[in-house]
Protein backbone atom coordinates (compact mmCIF):
# COMPACT_ATOMS: atom_id res chain seq x y z
CA UNK A 1 0.00 0.00 0.00
CA UNK A 2 2.99 2.34 -0.18
CA UNK A 3 4.07 4.45 -3.14
CA UNK A 4 7.69 3.35 -2.65
CA UNK A 5 8.34 -0.31 -3.35
CA UNK A 6 10.67 -1.95 -0.85
CA UNK A 7 13.33 -2.97 -3.39
CA UNK A 8 12.99 -0.17 -5.94
CA UNK A 9 14.79 3.14 -6.06
CA UNK A 10 12.06 5.10 -7.83
CA UNK A 11 8.55 6.17 -6.98
CA UNK A 12 5.93 4.11 -8.81
CA UNK A 13 2.64 5.81 -9.52
CA UNK A 14 -0.15 4.02 -11.36
CA UNK A 15 -2.59 6.02 -13.46
CA UNK A 16 -5.43 3.61 -14.27
CA UNK A 17 -8.30 4.24 -16.63
CA UNK A 18 -6.62 6.15 -19.46
CA UNK A 19 -8.57 5.68 -22.68
CA UNK A 20 -7.15 5.92 -26.22
CA UNK A 21 -9.31 8.91 -27.10
CA UNK A 22 -8.20 10.71 -23.90
CA UNK A 23 -4.44 10.42 -24.48
CA UNK A 24 -2.52 13.65 -25.17
CA UNK A 25 -2.26 14.71 -28.79
CA UNK A 26 1.45 15.62 -28.49
CA UNK A 27 4.34 13.45 -27.28
CA UNK A 28 5.24 16.02 -24.62
CA UNK A 29 2.01 15.19 -22.83
CA UNK A 30 3.23 11.60 -22.42
CA UNK A 31 6.73 12.58 -21.34
CA UNK A 32 5.88 12.23 -17.64
CA UNK A 33 5.39 8.47 -18.15
CA UNK A 34 8.25 6.04 -18.56
CA UNK A 35 5.99 3.03 -19.28
CA UNK A 36 2.46 2.74 -20.64
CA UNK A 37 0.85 -0.65 -20.11
CA UNK A 38 -2.04 -1.17 -22.52
CA UNK A 39 -4.11 -4.06 -21.19
CA UNK A 40 -7.64 -3.31 -22.37
CA UNK A 41 -9.36 -1.07 -24.85
CA UNK A 42 -9.23 -1.40 -28.59
CA UNK A 43 -6.44 0.22 -30.55
CA UNK A 44 -8.83 1.37 -33.29
CA UNK A 45 -10.02 4.11 -30.88
CA UNK A 46 -6.56 5.68 -31.13
CA UNK A 47 -6.69 8.11 -34.05
CA UNK A 48 -4.78 10.90 -35.75
CA UNK A 49 -2.65 13.13 -33.58
CA UNK A 50 -3.00 10.86 -30.54
CA UNK A 51 -1.54 7.92 -32.48
CA UNK A 52 1.26 10.16 -33.77
CA UNK A 53 1.97 11.37 -30.23
CA UNK A 54 2.21 7.81 -28.90
CA UNK A 55 4.47 6.78 -31.81
CA UNK A 56 6.71 9.82 -31.21
CA UNK A 57 6.86 9.10 -27.48
CA UNK A 58 7.99 5.50 -28.16
CA UNK A 59 10.58 6.70 -30.69
CA UNK A 60 11.95 9.09 -28.04
CA UNK A 61 12.43 6.29 -25.51
CA UNK A 62 9.01 5.63 -23.97
CA UNK A 63 8.12 2.01 -23.26
CA UNK A 64 4.79 0.72 -24.58
CA UNK A 65 3.79 -2.68 -23.17
CA UNK A 66 0.79 -4.30 -24.85
CA UNK A 67 -1.14 -7.19 -23.31
CA UNK A 68 -2.92 -8.86 -26.23
CA UNK A 69 -6.30 -10.43 -25.55
CA UNK A 70 -6.71 -14.10 -26.40
CA UNK A 71 -9.45 -13.48 -28.97
CA UNK A 72 -11.07 -10.65 -30.88
CA UNK A 73 -8.18 -8.22 -31.00
CA UNK A 74 -7.26 -5.65 -33.62
CA UNK A 75 -3.58 -5.16 -32.83
CA UNK A 76 -2.37 -7.38 -35.68
CA UNK A 77 -4.73 -5.86 -38.25
CA UNK A 78 -2.79 -3.16 -40.08
CA UNK A 79 -5.95 -1.49 -41.41
CA UNK A 80 -7.42 -0.87 -37.95
CA UNK A 81 -4.23 -0.30 -35.94
CA UNK A 82 -2.79 3.21 -36.40
CA UNK A 83 0.43 2.23 -34.56
CA UNK A 84 0.92 -1.08 -36.37
CA UNK A 85 4.43 -0.03 -37.41
CA UNK A 86 5.54 -0.12 -33.75
CA UNK A 87 4.80 -3.82 -33.40
CA UNK A 88 7.56 -6.39 -33.83
PDB file of N, CA and C in Angstrom:
ATOM      1  N   UNK A   1       0.793  -1.206   0.000  1.00  0.00           N
ATOM      2  CA  UNK A   1       0.000   0.000   0.000  1.00  0.00           C
ATOM      3  C   UNK A   1       0.832   1.265   0.000  1.00  0.00           C
ATOM      4  N   UNK A   2       2.146   1.156  -0.180  1.00  0.00           N
ATOM      5  CA  UNK A   2       2.994   2.343  -0.178  1.00  0.00           C
ATOM      6  C   UNK A   2       3.382   2.717  -1.606  1.00  0.00           C
ATOM      7  N   UNK A   3       3.654   3.991  -1.817  1.00  0.00           N
ATOM      8  CA  UNK A   3       4.070   4.449  -3.144  1.00  0.00           C
ATOM      9  C   UNK A   3       5.486   3.994  -3.470  1.00  0.00           C
ATOM     10  N   UNK A   4       6.318   3.796  -2.438  1.00  0.00           N
ATOM     11  CA  UNK A   4       7.691   3.346  -2.646  1.00  0.00           C
ATOM     12  C   UNK A   4       7.756   1.849  -2.455  1.00  0.00           C
ATOM     13  N   UNK A   5       8.168   1.128  -3.466  1.00  0.00           N
ATOM     14  CA  UNK A   5       8.343  -0.313  -3.347  1.00  0.00           C
ATOM     15  C   UNK A   5       9.604  -0.586  -2.524  1.00  0.00           C
ATOM     16  N   UNK A   6       9.580  -1.654  -1.778  1.00  0.00           N
ATOM     17  CA  UNK A   6      10.670  -1.948  -0.854  1.00  0.00           C
ATOM     18  C   UNK A   6      12.029  -2.084  -1.546  1.00  0.00           C
ATOM     19  N   UNK A   7      12.064  -2.686  -2.718  1.00  0.00           N
ATOM     20  CA  UNK A   7      13.329  -2.966  -3.394  1.00  0.00           C
ATOM     21  C   UNK A   7      13.551  -2.110  -4.643  1.00  0.00           C
ATOM     22  N   UNK A   8      12.826  -1.045  -4.778  1.00  0.00           N
ATOM     23  CA  UNK A   8      12.987  -0.171  -5.941  1.00  0.00           C
ATOM     24  C   UNK A   8      13.559   1.162  -5.495  1.00  0.00           C
ATOM     25  N   UNK A   9      14.198   1.850  -6.390  1.00  0.00           N
ATOM     26  CA  UNK A   9      14.788   3.136  -6.060  1.00  0.00           C
ATOM     27  C   UNK A   9      14.000   4.315  -6.635  1.00  0.00           C
ATOM     28  N   UNK A  10      12.872   4.037  -7.248  1.00  0.00           N
ATOM     29  CA  UNK A  10      12.063   5.105  -7.831  1.00  0.00           C
ATOM     30  C   UNK A  10      10.621   4.993  -7.364  1.00  0.00           C
ATOM     31  N   UNK A  11       9.956   6.120  -7.312  1.00  0.00           N
ATOM     32  CA  UNK A  11       8.549   6.166  -6.976  1.00  0.00           C
ATOM     33  C   UNK A  11       7.735   5.568  -8.124  1.00  0.00           C
ATOM     34  N   UNK A  12       6.804   4.706  -7.806  1.00  0.00           N
ATOM     35  CA  UNK A  12       5.929   4.109  -8.812  1.00  0.00           C
ATOM     36  C   UNK A  12       4.526   4.658  -8.594  1.00  0.00           C
ATOM     37  N   UNK A  13       3.983   5.270  -9.616  1.00  0.00           N
ATOM     38  CA  UNK A  13       2.641   5.812  -9.523  1.00  0.00           C
ATOM     39  C   UNK A  13       1.814   5.258 -10.676  1.00  0.00           C
ATOM     40  N   UNK A  14       0.736   4.582 -10.346  1.00  0.00           N
ATOM     41  CA  UNK A  14      -0.152   4.022 -11.363  1.00  0.00           C
ATOM     42  C   UNK A  14      -1.232   5.037 -11.704  1.00  0.00           C
ATOM     43  N   UNK A  15      -1.531   5.136 -12.993  1.00  0.00           N
ATOM     44  CA  UNK A  15      -2.590   6.018 -13.463  1.00  0.00           C
ATOM     45  C   UNK A  15      -3.566   5.152 -14.256  1.00  0.00           C
ATOM     46  N   UNK A  16      -4.502   4.501 -13.570  1.00  0.00           N
ATOM     47  CA  UNK A  16      -5.427   3.608 -14.272  1.00  0.00           C
ATOM     48  C   UNK A  16      -6.532   4.379 -14.998  1.00  0.00           C
ATOM     49  N   UNK A  17      -7.112   3.714 -15.978  1.00  0.00           N
ATOM     50  CA  UNK A  17      -8.304   4.245 -16.628  1.00  0.00           C
ATOM     51  C   UNK A  17      -8.072   5.177 -17.796  1.00  0.00           C
ATOM     52  N   UNK A  18      -6.839   5.322 -18.271  1.00  0.00           N
ATOM     53  CA  UNK A  18      -6.623   6.146 -19.461  1.00  0.00           C
ATOM     54  C   UNK A  18      -7.253   5.456 -20.662  1.00  0.00           C
ATOM     55  N   UNK A  19      -7.921   6.225 -21.479  1.00  0.00           N
ATOM     56  CA  UNK A  19      -8.567   5.679 -22.675  1.00  0.00           C
ATOM     57  C   UNK A  19      -7.863   6.234 -23.907  1.00  0.00           C
ATOM     58  N   UNK A  20      -7.855   5.473 -25.010  1.00  0.00           N
ATOM     59  CA  UNK A  20      -7.147   5.916 -26.218  1.00  0.00           C
ATOM     60  C   UNK A  20      -7.571   7.304 -26.698  1.00  0.00           C
ATOM     61  N   UNK A  21      -8.844   7.608 -26.614  1.00  0.00           N
ATOM     62  CA  UNK A  21      -9.310   8.908 -27.100  1.00  0.00           C
ATOM     63  C   UNK A  21      -9.100  10.029 -26.080  1.00  0.00           C
ATOM     64  N   UNK A  22      -8.505   9.708 -24.918  1.00  0.00           N
ATOM     65  CA  UNK A  22      -8.197  10.710 -23.900  1.00  0.00           C
ATOM     66  C   UNK A  22      -6.700  10.952 -23.759  1.00  0.00           C
ATOM     67  N   UNK A  23      -5.881  10.226 -24.531  1.00  0.00           N
ATOM     68  CA  UNK A  23      -4.436  10.422 -24.476  1.00  0.00           C
ATOM     69  C   UNK A  23      -4.072  11.796 -25.035  1.00  0.00           C
ATOM     70  N   UNK A  24      -2.950  12.358 -24.619  1.00  0.00           N
ATOM     71  CA  UNK A  24      -2.521  13.648 -25.170  1.00  0.00           C
ATOM     72  C   UNK A  24      -2.284  13.566 -26.672  1.00  0.00           C
ATOM     73  N   UNK A  25      -2.442  14.696 -27.346  1.00  0.00           N
ATOM     74  CA  UNK A  25      -2.258  14.709 -28.791  1.00  0.00           C
ATOM     75  C   UNK A  25      -0.857  15.158 -29.207  1.00  0.00           C
ATOM     76  N   UNK A  26       0.041  15.308 -28.239  1.00  0.00           N
ATOM     77  CA  UNK A  26       1.449  15.616 -28.495  1.00  0.00           C
ATOM     78  C   UNK A  26       2.297  14.740 -27.588  1.00  0.00           C
ATOM     79  N   UNK A  27       3.489  14.354 -28.057  1.00  0.00           N
ATOM     80  CA  UNK A  27       4.336  13.447 -27.279  1.00  0.00           C
ATOM     81  C   UNK A  27       4.745  14.052 -25.944  1.00  0.00           C
ATOM     82  N   UNK A  28       4.835  15.380 -25.868  1.00  0.00           N
ATOM     83  CA  UNK A  28       5.238  16.025 -24.624  1.00  0.00           C
ATOM     84  C   UNK A  28       4.254  15.732 -23.491  1.00  0.00           C
ATOM     85  N   UNK A  29       3.005  15.518 -23.842  1.00  0.00           N
ATOM     86  CA  UNK A  29       2.006  15.193 -22.830  1.00  0.00           C
ATOM     87  C   UNK A  29       2.205  13.813 -22.227  1.00  0.00           C
ATOM     88  N   UNK A  30       2.932  12.945 -22.917  1.00  0.00           N
ATOM     89  CA  UNK A  30       3.226  11.595 -22.422  1.00  0.00           C
ATOM     90  C   UNK A  30       4.598  11.516 -21.765  1.00  0.00           C
ATOM     91  N   UNK A  31       5.358  12.587 -21.813  1.00  0.00           N
ATOM     92  CA  UNK A  31       6.732  12.575 -21.341  1.00  0.00           C
ATOM     93  C   UNK A  31       6.860  12.280 -19.848  1.00  0.00           C
ATOM     94  N   UNK A  32       5.820  12.494 -19.084  1.00  0.00           N
ATOM     95  CA  UNK A  32       5.883  12.226 -17.642  1.00  0.00           C
ATOM     96  C   UNK A  32       5.800  10.729 -17.338  1.00  0.00           C
ATOM     97  N   UNK A  33       5.474   9.925 -18.329  1.00  0.00           N
ATOM     98  CA  UNK A  33       5.389   8.473 -18.147  1.00  0.00           C
ATOM     99  C   UNK A  33       6.643   7.804 -18.707  1.00  0.00           C
ATOM    100  N   UNK A  34       7.135   6.802 -18.009  1.00  0.00           N
ATOM    101  CA  UNK A  34       8.246   6.036 -18.560  1.00  0.00           C
ATOM    102  C   UNK A  34       7.735   4.756 -19.214  1.00  0.00           C
ATOM    103  N   UNK A  35       6.586   4.250 -18.735  1.00  0.00           N
ATOM    104  CA  UNK A  35       5.986   3.026 -19.279  1.00  0.00           C
ATOM    105  C   UNK A  35       4.483   3.232 -19.382  1.00  0.00           C
ATOM    106  N   UNK A  36       3.918   2.824 -20.496  1.00  0.00           N
ATOM    107  CA  UNK A  36       2.463   2.742 -20.639  1.00  0.00           C
ATOM    108  C   UNK A  36       2.134   1.280 -20.867  1.00  0.00           C
ATOM    109  N   UNK A  37       1.303   0.733 -20.010  1.00  0.00           N
ATOM    110  CA  UNK A  37       0.847  -0.653 -20.114  1.00  0.00           C
ATOM    111  C   UNK A  37      -0.567  -0.627 -20.668  1.00  0.00           C
ATOM    112  N   UNK A  38      -0.731  -1.149 -21.866  1.00  0.00           N
ATOM    113  CA  UNK A  38      -2.043  -1.174 -22.522  1.00  0.00           C
ATOM    114  C   UNK A  38      -2.597  -2.578 -22.347  1.00  0.00           C
ATOM    115  N   UNK A  39      -3.589  -2.723 -21.470  1.00  0.00           N
ATOM    116  CA  UNK A  39      -4.113  -4.063 -21.191  1.00  0.00           C
ATOM    117  C   UNK A  39      -5.563  -4.244 -21.602  1.00  0.00           C
ATOM    118  N   UNK A  40      -6.279  -3.169 -21.843  1.00  0.00           N
ATOM    119  CA  UNK A  40      -7.639  -3.305 -22.368  1.00  0.00           C
ATOM    120  C   UNK A  40      -7.994  -2.051 -23.158  1.00  0.00           C
ATOM    121  N   UNK A  41      -9.001  -2.160 -23.955  1.00  0.00           N
ATOM    122  CA  UNK A  41      -9.361  -1.072 -24.851  1.00  0.00           C
ATOM    123  C   UNK A  41      -8.816  -1.350 -26.239  1.00  0.00           C
ATOM    124  N   UNK A  42      -9.619  -1.099 -27.218  1.00  0.00           N
ATOM    125  CA  UNK A  42      -9.229  -1.400 -28.594  1.00  0.00           C
ATOM    126  C   UNK A  42      -8.360  -0.300 -29.188  1.00  0.00           C
ATOM    127  N   UNK A  43      -7.381  -0.703 -29.946  1.00  0.00           N
ATOM    128  CA  UNK A  43      -6.436   0.223 -30.555  1.00  0.00           C
ATOM    129  C   UNK A  43      -7.087   1.056 -31.658  1.00  0.00           C
ATOM    130  N   UNK A  44      -8.189   0.603 -32.213  1.00  0.00           N
ATOM    131  CA  UNK A  44      -8.827   1.373 -33.286  1.00  0.00           C
ATOM    132  C   UNK A  44      -9.458   2.668 -32.773  1.00  0.00           C
ATOM    133  N   UNK A  45      -9.525   2.857 -31.460  1.00  0.00           N
ATOM    134  CA  UNK A  45     -10.022   4.111 -30.878  1.00  0.00           C
ATOM    135  C   UNK A  45      -8.926   5.177 -30.850  1.00  0.00           C
ATOM    136  N   UNK A  46      -7.695   4.769 -31.093  1.00  0.00           N
ATOM    137  CA  UNK A  46      -6.564   5.683 -31.132  1.00  0.00           C
ATOM    138  C   UNK A  46      -6.462   6.236 -32.551  1.00  0.00           C
ATOM    139  N   UNK A  47      -6.636   7.513 -32.709  1.00  0.00           N
ATOM    140  CA  UNK A  47      -6.690   8.109 -34.048  1.00  0.00           C
ATOM    141  C   UNK A  47      -5.801   9.341 -34.165  1.00  0.00           C
ATOM    142  N   UNK A  48      -5.431   9.644 -35.379  1.00  0.00           N
ATOM    143  CA  UNK A  48      -4.785  10.899 -35.753  1.00  0.00           C
ATOM    144  C   UNK A  48      -3.618  11.334 -34.907  1.00  0.00           C
ATOM    145  N   UNK A  49      -3.738  12.525 -34.327  1.00  0.00           N
ATOM    146  CA  UNK A  49      -2.650  13.129 -33.576  1.00  0.00           C
ATOM    147  C   UNK A  49      -2.297  12.341 -32.321  1.00  0.00           C
ATOM    148  N   UNK A  50      -3.269  11.659 -31.730  1.00  0.00           N
ATOM    149  CA  UNK A  50      -2.995  10.860 -30.539  1.00  0.00           C
ATOM    150  C   UNK A  50      -2.118   9.651 -30.891  1.00  0.00           C
ATOM    151  N   UNK A  51      -2.374   9.035 -32.020  1.00  0.00           N
ATOM    152  CA  UNK A  51      -1.544   7.923 -32.484  1.00  0.00           C
ATOM    153  C   UNK A  51      -0.142   8.423 -32.807  1.00  0.00           C
ATOM    154  N   UNK A  52      -0.049   9.571 -33.459  1.00  0.00           N
ATOM    155  CA  UNK A  52       1.263  10.156 -33.771  1.00  0.00           C
ATOM    156  C   UNK A  52       2.030  10.505 -32.501  1.00  0.00           C
ATOM    157  N   UNK A  53       1.325  11.021 -31.496  1.00  0.00           N
ATOM    158  CA  UNK A  53       1.967  11.371 -30.225  1.00  0.00           C
ATOM    159  C   UNK A  53       2.524  10.128 -29.539  1.00  0.00           C
ATOM    160  N   UNK A  54       1.756   9.050 -29.528  1.00  0.00           N
ATOM    161  CA  UNK A  54       2.215   7.806 -28.902  1.00  0.00           C
ATOM    162  C   UNK A  54       3.419   7.238 -29.662  1.00  0.00           C
ATOM    163  N   UNK A  55       3.361   7.252 -30.978  1.00  0.00           N
ATOM    164  CA  UNK A  55       4.475   6.775 -31.807  1.00  0.00           C
ATOM    165  C   UNK A  55       5.734   7.612 -31.533  1.00  0.00           C
ATOM    166  N   UNK A  56       5.587   8.925 -31.494  1.00  0.00           N
ATOM    167  CA  UNK A  56       6.706   9.817 -31.215  1.00  0.00           C
ATOM    168  C   UNK A  56       7.296   9.563 -29.835  1.00  0.00           C
ATOM    169  N   UNK A  57       6.431   9.366 -28.844  1.00  0.00           N
ATOM    170  CA  UNK A  57       6.864   9.098 -27.475  1.00  0.00           C
ATOM    171  C   UNK A  57       7.690   7.813 -27.413  1.00  0.00           C
ATOM    172  N   UNK A  58       7.234   6.763 -28.113  1.00  0.00           N
ATOM    173  CA  UNK A  58       7.995   5.502 -28.158  1.00  0.00           C
ATOM    174  C   UNK A  58       9.328   5.721 -28.854  1.00  0.00           C
ATOM    175  N   UNK A  59       9.334   6.431 -29.963  1.00  0.00           N
ATOM    176  CA  UNK A  59      10.580   6.698 -30.689  1.00  0.00           C
ATOM    177  C   UNK A  59      11.572   7.521 -29.869  1.00  0.00           C
ATOM    178  N   UNK A  60      11.089   8.275 -28.904  1.00  0.00           N
ATOM    179  CA  UNK A  60      11.946   9.093 -28.039  1.00  0.00           C
ATOM    180  C   UNK A  60      12.342   8.363 -26.761  1.00  0.00           C
ATOM    181  N   UNK A  61      11.970   7.074 -26.649  1.00  0.00           N
ATOM    182  CA  UNK A  61      12.429   6.286 -25.511  1.00  0.00           C
ATOM    183  C   UNK A  61      11.356   5.788 -24.572  1.00  0.00           C
ATOM    184  N   UNK A  62      10.098   6.134 -24.808  1.00  0.00           N
ATOM    185  CA  UNK A  62       9.014   5.633 -23.968  1.00  0.00           C
ATOM    186  C   UNK A  62       8.807   4.139 -24.191  1.00  0.00           C
ATOM    187  N   UNK A  63       8.333   3.456 -23.179  1.00  0.00           N
ATOM    188  CA  UNK A  63       8.124   2.009 -23.264  1.00  0.00           C
ATOM    189  C   UNK A  63       6.623   1.711 -23.312  1.00  0.00           C
ATOM    190  N   UNK A  64       6.184   1.110 -24.408  1.00  0.00           N
ATOM    191  CA  UNK A  64       4.791   0.718 -24.580  1.00  0.00           C
ATOM    192  C   UNK A  64       4.706  -0.795 -24.444  1.00  0.00           C
ATOM    193  N   UNK A  65       3.980  -1.247 -23.414  1.00  0.00           N
ATOM    194  CA  UNK A  65       3.790  -2.675 -23.168  1.00  0.00           C
ATOM    195  C   UNK A  65       2.340  -2.995 -23.498  1.00  0.00           C
ATOM    196  N   UNK A  66       2.140  -3.955 -24.401  1.00  0.00           N
ATOM    197  CA  UNK A  66       0.791  -4.304 -24.855  1.00  0.00           C
ATOM    198  C   UNK A  66       0.470  -5.722 -24.414  1.00  0.00           C
ATOM    199  N   UNK A  67      -0.643  -5.873 -23.708  1.00  0.00           N
ATOM    200  CA  UNK A  67      -1.136  -7.194 -23.312  1.00  0.00           C
ATOM    201  C   UNK A  67      -2.247  -7.555 -24.297  1.00  0.00           C
ATOM    202  N   UNK A  68      -1.941  -8.494 -25.194  1.00  0.00           N
ATOM    203  CA  UNK A  68      -2.918  -8.861 -26.226  1.00  0.00           C
ATOM    204  C   UNK A  68      -3.979  -9.783 -25.653  1.00  0.00           C
ATOM    205  N   UNK A  69      -5.249  -9.513 -25.974  1.00  0.00           N
ATOM    206  CA  UNK A  69      -6.302 -10.428 -25.553  1.00  0.00           C
ATOM    207  C   UNK A  69      -6.221 -11.737 -26.339  1.00  0.00           C
ATOM    208  N   UNK A  70      -6.776 -12.783 -25.765  1.00  0.00           N
ATOM    209  CA  UNK A  70      -6.707 -14.102 -26.405  1.00  0.00           C
ATOM    210  C   UNK A  70      -7.490 -14.144 -27.716  1.00  0.00           C
ATOM    211  N   UNK A  71      -8.618 -13.468 -27.769  1.00  0.00           N
ATOM    212  CA  UNK A  71      -9.454 -13.476 -28.972  1.00  0.00           C
ATOM    213  C   UNK A  71      -9.959 -12.069 -29.260  1.00  0.00           C
ATOM    214  N   UNK A  72     -10.416 -11.879 -30.464  1.00  0.00           N
ATOM    215  CA  UNK A  72     -11.073 -10.646 -30.876  1.00  0.00           C
ATOM    216  C   UNK A  72     -10.224  -9.407 -30.611  1.00  0.00           C
ATOM    217  N   UNK A  73      -9.035  -9.380 -31.168  1.00  0.00           N
ATOM    218  CA  UNK A  73      -8.178  -8.216 -30.995  1.00  0.00           C
ATOM    219  C   UNK A  73      -7.809  -7.647 -32.355  1.00  0.00           C
ATOM    220  N   UNK A  74      -7.550  -6.350 -32.379  1.00  0.00           N
ATOM    221  CA  UNK A  74      -7.265  -5.649 -33.625  1.00  0.00           C
ATOM    222  C   UNK A  74      -5.799  -5.228 -33.766  1.00  0.00           C
ATOM    223  N   UNK A  75      -4.961  -5.604 -32.817  1.00  0.00           N
ATOM    224  CA  UNK A  75      -3.578  -5.157 -32.834  1.00  0.00           C
ATOM    225  C   UNK A  75      -2.811  -5.644 -34.058  1.00  0.00           C
ATOM    226  N   UNK A  76      -3.108  -6.837 -34.552  1.00  0.00           N
ATOM    227  CA  UNK A  76      -2.366  -7.382 -35.685  1.00  0.00           C
ATOM    228  C   UNK A  76      -3.011  -7.068 -37.031  1.00  0.00           C
ATOM    229  N   UNK A  77      -4.047  -6.263 -37.025  1.00  0.00           N
ATOM    230  CA  UNK A  77      -4.729  -5.858 -38.246  1.00  0.00           C
ATOM    231  C   UNK A  77      -4.226  -4.474 -38.647  1.00  0.00           C
ATOM    232  N   UNK A  78      -3.420  -4.419 -39.678  1.00  0.00           N
ATOM    233  CA  UNK A  78      -2.792  -3.158 -40.083  1.00  0.00           C
ATOM    234  C   UNK A  78      -3.813  -2.082 -40.441  1.00  0.00           C
ATOM    235  N   UNK A  79      -4.937  -2.470 -41.003  1.00  0.00           N
ATOM    236  CA  UNK A  79      -5.954  -1.495 -41.414  1.00  0.00           C
ATOM    237  C   UNK A  79      -6.612  -0.799 -40.228  1.00  0.00           C
ATOM    238  N   UNK A  80      -6.727  -1.471 -39.092  1.00  0.00           N
ATOM    239  CA  UNK A  80      -7.424  -0.872 -37.951  1.00  0.00           C
ATOM    240  C   UNK A  80      -6.492  -0.458 -36.815  1.00  0.00           C
ATOM    241  N   UNK A  81      -5.184  -0.647 -36.980  1.00  0.00           N
ATOM    242  CA  UNK A  81      -4.232  -0.302 -35.938  1.00  0.00           C
ATOM    243  C   UNK A  81      -3.348   0.858 -36.414  1.00  0.00           C
ATOM    244  N   UNK A  82      -3.564   2.067 -35.921  1.00  0.00           N
ATOM    245  CA  UNK A  82      -2.791   3.207 -36.400  1.00  0.00           C
ATOM    246  C   UNK A  82      -1.321   3.206 -35.949  1.00  0.00           C
ATOM    247  N   UNK A  83      -0.968   2.344 -34.997  1.00  0.00           N
ATOM    248  CA  UNK A  83       0.434   2.235 -34.563  1.00  0.00           C
ATOM    249  C   UNK A  83       0.996   0.859 -34.885  1.00  0.00           C
ATOM    250  N   UNK A  84       0.488   0.258 -35.941  1.00  0.00           N
ATOM    251  CA  UNK A  84       0.917  -1.084 -36.371  1.00  0.00           C
ATOM    252  C   UNK A  84       2.432  -1.140 -36.606  1.00  0.00           C
ATOM    253  N   UNK A  85       3.003  -0.057 -37.097  1.00  0.00           N
ATOM    254  CA  UNK A  85       4.430  -0.027 -37.406  1.00  0.00           C
ATOM    255  C   UNK A  85       5.319  -0.134 -36.164  1.00  0.00           C
ATOM    256  N   UNK A  86       4.763   0.036 -34.977  1.00  0.00           N
ATOM    257  CA  UNK A  86       5.538  -0.117 -33.749  1.00  0.00           C
ATOM    258  C   UNK A  86       5.647  -1.552 -33.288  1.00  0.00           C
ATOM    259  N   UNK A  87       4.803  -2.422 -33.836  1.00  0.00           N
ATOM    260  CA  UNK A  87       4.796  -3.819 -33.397  1.00  0.00           C
ATOM    261  C   UNK A  87       5.946  -4.597 -34.030  1.00  0.00           C
ATOM    262  N   UNK A  88       6.466  -5.583 -33.276  1.00  0.00           N
ATOM    263  CA  UNK A  88       7.558  -6.391 -33.833  1.00  0.00           C
ATOM    264  C   UNK A  88       7.076  -7.298 -34.957  1.00  0.00           C
TER     265      UNK A  88
END
